[in-house]
């Protein structure tokens, strides 16, 4: 299952945005309002829980400054990646898009497609809060 967030413009350079998104504590500002739990686990990992959903731990799997950060599930129980794509637009402006790639059975994919789509859209739309 592959989902994409809308591409959003951010009034920060690509490197500045990359630096902000590799600091795990900044993700708390991007979370939806229905967040039930947020905890930084280490310098490259955080845990979050949304009301009515299981807690998920994301861990940085790959970094390619300043254009890409790949997060993955910390456990193999729910195999997925969340790819952050950052494009430089100008010296003080960049564009960001999240790509979600998950390996789910058809029943699970049907159940999580809506909430995950909304979640990555919220992350993208909250970029202005950084």
C-alpha atoms as a PDB file:
ATOM      1  CA  UNK A   1       0.000   0.000   0.000  1.00  0.00           C
ATOM      2  CA  UNK A   2       1.462   3.342  -1.073  1.00  0.00           C
ATOM      3  CA  UNK A   3       0.102   6.726   0.035  1.00  0.00           C
ATOM      4  CA  UNK A   4       1.334  10.270  -0.593  1.00  0.00           C
ATOM      5  CA  UNK A   5       0.782  13.466   1.322  1.00  0.00           C
ATOM      6  CA  UNK A   6       0.114  16.675  -0.565  1.00  0.00           C
ATOM      7  CA  UNK A   7       3.301  18.581  -1.432  1.00  0.00           C
ATOM      8  CA  UNK A   8       3.601  21.612   0.842  1.00  0.00           C
ATOM      9  CA  UNK A   9       5.770  24.712   0.623  1.00  0.00           C
ATOM     10  CA  UNK A  10       7.855  25.565   3.667  1.00  0.00           C
ATOM     11  CA  UNK A  11       9.565  28.917   4.266  1.00  0.00           C
ATOM     12  CA  UNK A  12      12.867  27.281   5.226  1.00  0.00           C
ATOM     13  CA  UNK A  13      15.868  26.126   3.240  1.00  0.00           C
ATOM     14  CA  UNK A  14      16.037  22.419   2.435  1.00  0.00           C
ATOM     15  CA  UNK A  15      18.986  21.972   4.827  1.00  0.00           C
ATOM     16  CA  UNK A  16      17.213  23.832   7.645  1.00  0.00           C
ATOM     17  CA  UNK A  17      14.096  21.685   7.174  1.00  0.00           C
ATOM     18  CA  UNK A  18      16.225  18.519   7.038  1.00  0.00           C
ATOM     19  CA  UNK A  19      17.925  19.511  10.325  1.00  0.00           C
ATOM     20  CA  UNK A  20      14.556  20.185  11.989  1.00  0.00           C
ATOM     21  CA  UNK A  21      13.153  16.821  10.850  1.00  0.00           C
ATOM     22  CA  UNK A  22      16.162  14.846  12.046  1.00  0.00           C
ATOM     23  CA  UNK A  23      15.581  16.229  15.564  1.00  0.00           C
ATOM     24  CA  UNK A  24      12.927  13.820  16.824  1.00  0.00           C
ATOM     25  CA  UNK A  25      11.403  16.186  19.399  1.00  0.00           C
ATOM     26  CA  UNK A  26      10.199  18.441  16.553  1.00  0.00           C
ATOM     27  CA  UNK A  27       7.766  15.766  15.386  1.00  0.00           C
ATOM     28  CA  UNK A  28       5.575  16.441  18.425  1.00  0.00           C
ATOM     29  CA  UNK A  29       4.693  19.828  16.854  1.00  0.00           C
ATOM     30  CA  UNK A  30       3.588  18.065  13.645  1.00  0.00           C
ATOM     31  CA  UNK A  31       1.304  15.502  15.255  1.00  0.00           C
ATOM     32  CA  UNK A  32      -2.493  15.633  14.887  1.00  0.00           C
ATOM     33  CA  UNK A  33      -4.592  17.118  17.686  1.00  0.00           C
ATOM     34  CA  UNK A  34      -5.864  13.642  18.677  1.00  0.00           C
ATOM     35  CA  UNK A  35      -2.411  12.535  19.825  1.00  0.00           C
ATOM     36  CA  UNK A  36      -2.608  10.417  22.960  1.00  0.00           C
ATOM     37  CA  UNK A  37       1.126   9.880  23.489  1.00  0.00           C
ATOM     38  CA  UNK A  38       4.440  11.197  22.156  1.00  0.00           C
ATOM     39  CA  UNK A  39       7.836  10.151  23.476  1.00  0.00           C
ATOM     40  CA  UNK A  40      11.359  10.593  22.095  1.00  0.00           C
ATOM     41  CA  UNK A  41      13.095   7.214  22.503  1.00  0.00           C
ATOM     42  CA  UNK A  42      16.557   8.226  21.282  1.00  0.00           C
ATOM     43  CA  UNK A  43      18.257  10.617  18.900  1.00  0.00           C
ATOM     44  CA  UNK A  44      16.837   8.721  15.914  1.00  0.00           C
ATOM     45  CA  UNK A  45      13.562   7.296  17.225  1.00  0.00           C
ATOM     46  CA  UNK A  46      10.215   8.354  18.662  1.00  0.00           C
ATOM     47  CA  UNK A  47       6.991   6.701  19.763  1.00  0.00           C
ATOM     48  CA  UNK A  48       3.527   8.086  19.237  1.00  0.00           C
ATOM     49  CA  UNK A  49      -0.020   6.995  19.783  1.00  0.00           C
ATOM     50  CA  UNK A  50      -3.221   8.388  18.367  1.00  0.00           C
ATOM     51  CA  UNK A  51      -6.539   7.918  20.148  1.00  0.00           C
ATOM     52  CA  UNK A  52      -8.060   4.589  19.106  1.00  0.00           C
ATOM     53  CA  UNK A  53      -4.893   3.347  17.351  1.00  0.00           C
ATOM     54  CA  UNK A  54      -1.965   1.239  18.592  1.00  0.00           C
ATOM     55  CA  UNK A  55       1.275   3.003  19.513  1.00  0.00           C
ATOM     56  CA  UNK A  56       3.867   3.149  16.740  1.00  0.00           C
ATOM     57  CA  UNK A  57       7.606   3.611  17.092  1.00  0.00           C
ATOM     58  CA  UNK A  58       9.381   5.257  14.151  1.00  0.00           C
ATOM     59  CA  UNK A  59      13.128   4.985  13.690  1.00  0.00           C
ATOM     60  CA  UNK A  60      15.378   6.760  11.184  1.00  0.00           C
ATOM     61  CA  UNK A  61      16.548   4.113   8.694  1.00  0.00           C
ATOM     62  CA  UNK A  62      18.320   6.350   6.175  1.00  0.00           C
ATOM     63  CA  UNK A  63      19.374  10.000   5.818  1.00  0.00           C
ATOM     64  CA  UNK A  64      20.505  11.757   2.647  1.00  0.00           C
ATOM     65  CA  UNK A  65      20.978  15.456   3.454  1.00  0.00           C
ATOM     66  CA  UNK A  66      19.245  17.673   2.600  1.00  0.00           C
ATOM     67  CA  UNK A  67      16.661  15.873   0.470  1.00  0.00           C
ATOM     68  CA  UNK A  68      15.523  12.635   2.074  1.00  0.00           C
ATOM     69  CA  UNK A  69      14.847  11.022   5.438  1.00  0.00           C
ATOM     70  CA  UNK A  70      13.495   7.479   5.619  1.00  0.00           C
ATOM     71  CA  UNK A  71      11.691   6.398   8.775  1.00  0.00           C
ATOM     72  CA  UNK A  72      10.695   2.814   9.371  1.00  0.00           C
ATOM     73  CA  UNK A  73       8.730   0.884  11.931  1.00  0.00           C
ATOM     74  CA  UNK A  74      10.995  -0.096  14.820  1.00  0.00           C
ATOM     75  CA  UNK A  75       9.392  -3.550  14.889  1.00  0.00           C
ATOM     76  CA  UNK A  76       8.610  -5.969  12.077  1.00  0.00           C
ATOM     77  CA  UNK A  77       5.072  -6.450  13.401  1.00  0.00           C
ATOM     78  CA  UNK A  78       3.777  -3.690  11.096  1.00  0.00           C
ATOM     79  CA  UNK A  79       6.280  -3.337   8.210  1.00  0.00           C
ATOM     80  CA  UNK A  80       6.233   0.146   6.667  1.00  0.00           C
ATOM     81  CA  UNK A  81       8.389   3.132   5.782  1.00  0.00           C
ATOM     82  CA  UNK A  82       7.641   6.836   5.858  1.00  0.00           C
ATOM     83  CA  UNK A  83       9.810   8.704   3.379  1.00  0.00           C
ATOM     84  CA  UNK A  84      10.311  12.449   3.742  1.00  0.00           C
ATOM     85  CA  UNK A  85      11.172  14.081   0.412  1.00  0.00           C
ATOM     86  CA  UNK A  86      12.515  17.641   0.592  1.00  0.00           C
ATOM     87  CA  UNK A  87      13.048  19.668  -2.586  1.00  0.00           C
ATOM     88  CA  UNK A  88      14.931  22.956  -2.539  1.00  0.00           C
ATOM     89  CA  UNK A  89      12.887  25.698  -4.190  1.00  0.00           C
ATOM     90  CA  UNK A  90      15.088  28.682  -3.331  1.00  0.00           C
ATOM     91  CA  UNK A  91      17.598  29.760  -0.715  1.00  0.00           C
ATOM     92  CA  UNK A  92      14.849  30.241   1.895  1.00  0.00           C
ATOM     93  CA  UNK A  93      12.125  27.963   0.600  1.00  0.00           C
ATOM     94  CA  UNK A  94      11.569  24.267   0.065  1.00  0.00           C
ATOM     95  CA  UNK A  95       8.818  21.811  -0.769  1.00  0.00           C
ATOM     96  CA  UNK A  96       8.076  18.689   1.270  1.00  0.00           C
ATOM     97  CA  UNK A  97       6.098  15.519   0.631  1.00  0.00           C
ATOM     98  CA  UNK A  98       5.666  12.341   2.690  1.00  0.00           C
ATOM     99  CA  UNK A  99       5.415   8.940   1.010  1.00  0.00           C
ATOM    100  CA  UNK A 100       4.072   6.008   3.023  1.00  0.00           C
ATOM    101  CA  UNK A 101       4.876   2.471   1.890  1.00  0.00           C
ATOM    102  CA  UNK A 102       3.435  -0.428   3.850  1.00  0.00           C
ATOM    103  CA  UNK A 103       3.150  -4.177   3.435  1.00  0.00           C
ATOM    104  CA  UNK A 104      -0.276  -5.076   4.755  1.00  0.00           C
ATOM    105  CA  UNK A 105      -2.744  -7.802   3.962  1.00  0.00           C
ATOM    106  CA  UNK A 106      -5.773  -6.517   1.994  1.00  0.00           C
ATOM    107  CA  UNK A 107      -8.062  -6.440   5.052  1.00  0.00           C
ATOM    108  CA  UNK A 108      -5.547  -4.475   7.145  1.00  0.00           C
ATOM    109  CA  UNK A 109      -4.793  -2.130   4.217  1.00  0.00           C
ATOM    110  CA  UNK A 110      -8.487  -1.333   3.880  1.00  0.00           C
ATOM    111  CA  UNK A 111      -8.750  -0.537   7.610  1.00  0.00           C
ATOM    112  CA  UNK A 112      -5.644   1.673   7.872  1.00  0.00           C
ATOM    113  CA  UNK A 113      -5.669   3.481   4.505  1.00  0.00           C
ATOM    114  CA  UNK A 114      -7.952   6.319   5.672  1.00  0.00           C
ATOM    115  CA  UNK A 115      -6.327   7.004   9.060  1.00  0.00           C
ATOM    116  CA  UNK A 116      -2.773   6.798   7.674  1.00  0.00           C
ATOM    117  CA  UNK A 117      -3.627   9.014   4.696  1.00  0.00           C
ATOM    118  CA  UNK A 118      -5.094  11.601   7.059  1.00  0.00           C
ATOM    119  CA  UNK A 119      -2.084  11.277   9.381  1.00  0.00           C
ATOM    120  CA  UNK A 120       0.562  11.972   6.719  1.00  0.00           C
ATOM    121  CA  UNK A 121      -1.552  14.808   5.326  1.00  0.00           C
ATOM    122  CA  UNK A 122      -1.646  16.350   8.825  1.00  0.00           C
ATOM    123  CA  UNK A 123       2.138  15.978   9.211  1.00  0.00           C
ATOM    124  CA  UNK A 124       2.656  17.815   5.919  1.00  0.00           C
ATOM    125  CA  UNK A 125       0.108  20.533   6.666  1.00  0.00           C
ATOM    126  CA  UNK A 126       1.647  21.176  10.101  1.00  0.00           C
ATOM    127  CA  UNK A 127       5.107  21.930   8.645  1.00  0.00           C
ATOM    128  CA  UNK A 128       4.483  25.649   9.168  1.00  0.00           C
ATOM    129  CA  UNK A 129       4.548  24.992  12.946  1.00  0.00           C
ATOM    130  CA  UNK A 130       8.286  24.188  12.870  1.00  0.00           C
END
